[in-house]
Amino acid sequence: MNKHSMAITLAIVTIILALGTTGYTQKNQTDPPANTPELKWMYGSVSQVAFAKGFILVFSDQGYTSFAVNDKTIISIGPKKAGLEDIKTEDSVRVQYYCPEPGKYVAVAISESAKGEN
């Protein structure tokens, strides 16, 4: 094989490898899901708990906010897991939540907070 044909073969192999690598990385890249909600935190005092309807109303420096509570919401008091029925009015809480649409707030986690955190 002469130098000219060897250079052409090397160039073709390099191009094939470069194209193959580009195709592989484009196919296997994982983009973050488009619907991943932004999680936020709020500290406040429980004003109302509605067990049947599955929500709590929390008063904070931002005013009153109603949070939907579902079976995926993690509720804890101290180190122990709890249920919605364990939350009492005037309890100090920290709520992790997201907004699936404007004006709707869904609680991801509710935990007891120290009075000074509010």
Protein backbone atom coordinates (compact mmCIF):
# COMPACT_ATOMS: atom_id res chain seq x y z
CA MET A 1 0.00 0.00 0.00
CA ASN A 2 1.48 3.37 -0.95
CA LYS A 3 1.49 6.49 1.21
CA HIS A 4 -1.36 8.12 -0.73
CA SER A 5 -3.81 5.22 -0.38
CA MET A 6 -2.81 4.75 3.26
CA ALA A 7 -3.58 8.42 3.98
CA ILE A 8 -6.96 8.13 2.26
CA THR A 9 -7.79 4.97 4.20
CA LEU A 10 -6.78 6.62 7.48
CA ALA A 11 -8.90 9.69 6.68
CA ILE A 12 -11.93 7.52 5.86
CA VAL A 13 -11.55 5.49 9.06
CA THR A 14 -11.20 8.71 11.09
CA ILE A 15 -14.36 10.16 9.51
CA ILE A 16 -16.32 6.95 10.12
CA LEU A 17 -15.22 6.84 13.75
CA ALA A 18 -16.03 10.52 14.27
CA LEU A 19 -19.49 10.14 12.74
CA GLY A 20 -20.16 6.96 14.69
CA THR A 21 -19.17 8.60 17.97
CA THR A 22 -21.37 11.65 17.29
CA GLY A 23 -24.35 9.45 16.52
CA TYR A 24 -23.79 7.39 19.64
CA THR A 25 -23.58 10.37 21.97
CA GLN A 26 -26.65 12.02 20.46
CA LYS A 27 -28.72 8.85 20.84
CA ASN A 28 -27.61 8.17 24.40
CA GLN A 29 -27.74 11.62 25.92
CA THR A 30 -30.31 11.92 28.66
CA ASP A 31 -32.08 15.23 28.71
CA PRO A 32 -33.81 16.17 31.95
CA PRO A 33 -37.53 15.50 31.83
CA ALA A 34 -39.43 18.54 30.58
CA ASN A 35 -42.03 18.28 33.36
CA THR A 36 -39.70 18.14 36.36
CA PRO A 37 -41.26 20.52 38.89
CA GLU A 38 -39.21 23.11 40.74
CA LEU A 39 -39.36 22.34 44.46
CA LYS A 40 -39.70 25.19 46.95
CA TRP A 41 -39.86 25.49 50.74
CA MET A 42 -42.19 27.40 53.03
CA TYR A 43 -42.10 27.75 56.81
CA GLY A 44 -45.27 28.64 58.66
CA SER A 45 -47.98 27.81 61.14
CA VAL A 46 -50.84 25.43 60.37
CA SER A 47 -54.15 27.29 60.28
CA GLN A 48 -56.40 24.46 59.13
CA VAL A 49 -56.23 20.76 58.32
CA ALA A 50 -58.88 19.11 56.13
CA PHE A 51 -58.49 15.34 56.36
CA ALA A 52 -61.34 14.42 53.99
CA LYS A 53 -60.33 16.88 51.30
CA GLY A 54 -56.60 16.30 51.72
CA PHE A 55 -55.17 19.77 52.26
CA ILE A 56 -53.59 21.98 54.87
CA LEU A 57 -53.70 25.75 55.14
CA VAL A 58 -50.44 27.33 56.29
CA PHE A 59 -49.90 30.91 57.42
CA SER A 60 -46.46 32.38 56.73
CA ASP A 61 -44.90 35.76 56.07
CA GLN A 62 -46.36 35.40 52.54
CA GLY A 63 -49.92 35.07 53.87
CA TYR A 64 -52.19 32.01 53.75
CA THR A 65 -51.34 29.17 51.37
CA SER A 66 -53.36 26.01 50.80
CA PHE A 67 -51.37 22.85 50.00
CA ALA A 68 -52.85 19.70 48.51
CA VAL A 69 -51.73 16.61 50.43
CA ASN A 70 -51.83 13.21 48.73
CA ASP A 71 -50.64 9.66 49.41
CA LYS A 72 -47.16 10.54 48.07
CA THR A 73 -46.68 13.42 50.54
CA ILE A 74 -44.09 12.54 53.18
CA ILE A 75 -45.21 13.73 56.61
CA SER A 76 -42.93 13.55 59.64
CA ILE A 77 -43.01 14.80 63.19
CA GLY A 78 -39.54 14.68 64.64
CA PRO A 79 -37.82 11.54 63.43
CA LYS A 80 -41.09 9.60 63.05
CA LYS A 81 -43.32 9.26 60.00
CA ALA A 82 -46.78 10.66 60.55
CA GLY A 83 -50.08 11.12 58.78
CA LEU A 84 -52.23 14.11 57.98
CA GLU A 85 -54.30 13.36 61.08
CA ASP A 86 -51.20 13.97 63.22
CA ILE A 87 -50.88 17.60 62.11
CA LYS A 88 -52.62 20.03 64.45
CA THR A 89 -53.56 23.66 64.03
CA GLU A 90 -50.89 26.06 65.24
CA ASP A 91 -48.14 23.47 64.63
CA SER A 92 -45.00 25.02 63.15
CA VAL A 93 -44.21 23.26 59.90
CA ARG A 94 -41.84 23.30 56.97
CA VAL A 95 -43.53 22.41 53.67
CA GLN A 96 -41.66 21.34 50.56
CA TYR A 97 -43.93 21.87 47.56
CA TYR A 98 -44.26 22.47 43.85
CA CYS A 99 -46.71 24.36 41.65
CA PRO A 100 -48.10 22.23 38.79
CA GLU A 101 -50.07 25.27 37.62
CA PRO A 102 -50.43 28.87 38.81
CA GLY A 103 -52.26 29.09 42.13
CA LYS A 104 -52.10 25.35 42.85
CA TYR A 105 -49.62 24.07 45.44
CA VAL A 106 -48.89 20.40 46.09
CA ALA A 107 -47.04 19.34 49.24
CA VAL A 108 -44.19 16.89 48.66
CA ALA A 109 -43.06 16.83 52.30
CA ILE A 110 -44.36 18.30 55.54
CA SER A 111 -42.22 18.27 58.64
CA GLU A 112 -42.23 19.79 62.09
CA SER A 113 -40.12 22.93 62.35
CA ALA A 114 -38.76 24.84 65.31
CA LYS A 115 -40.64 28.00 66.25
CA GLY A 116 -37.61 30.13 65.35
CA GLU A 117 -37.53 28.84 61.76
CA ASN A 118 -40.85 30.47 60.83
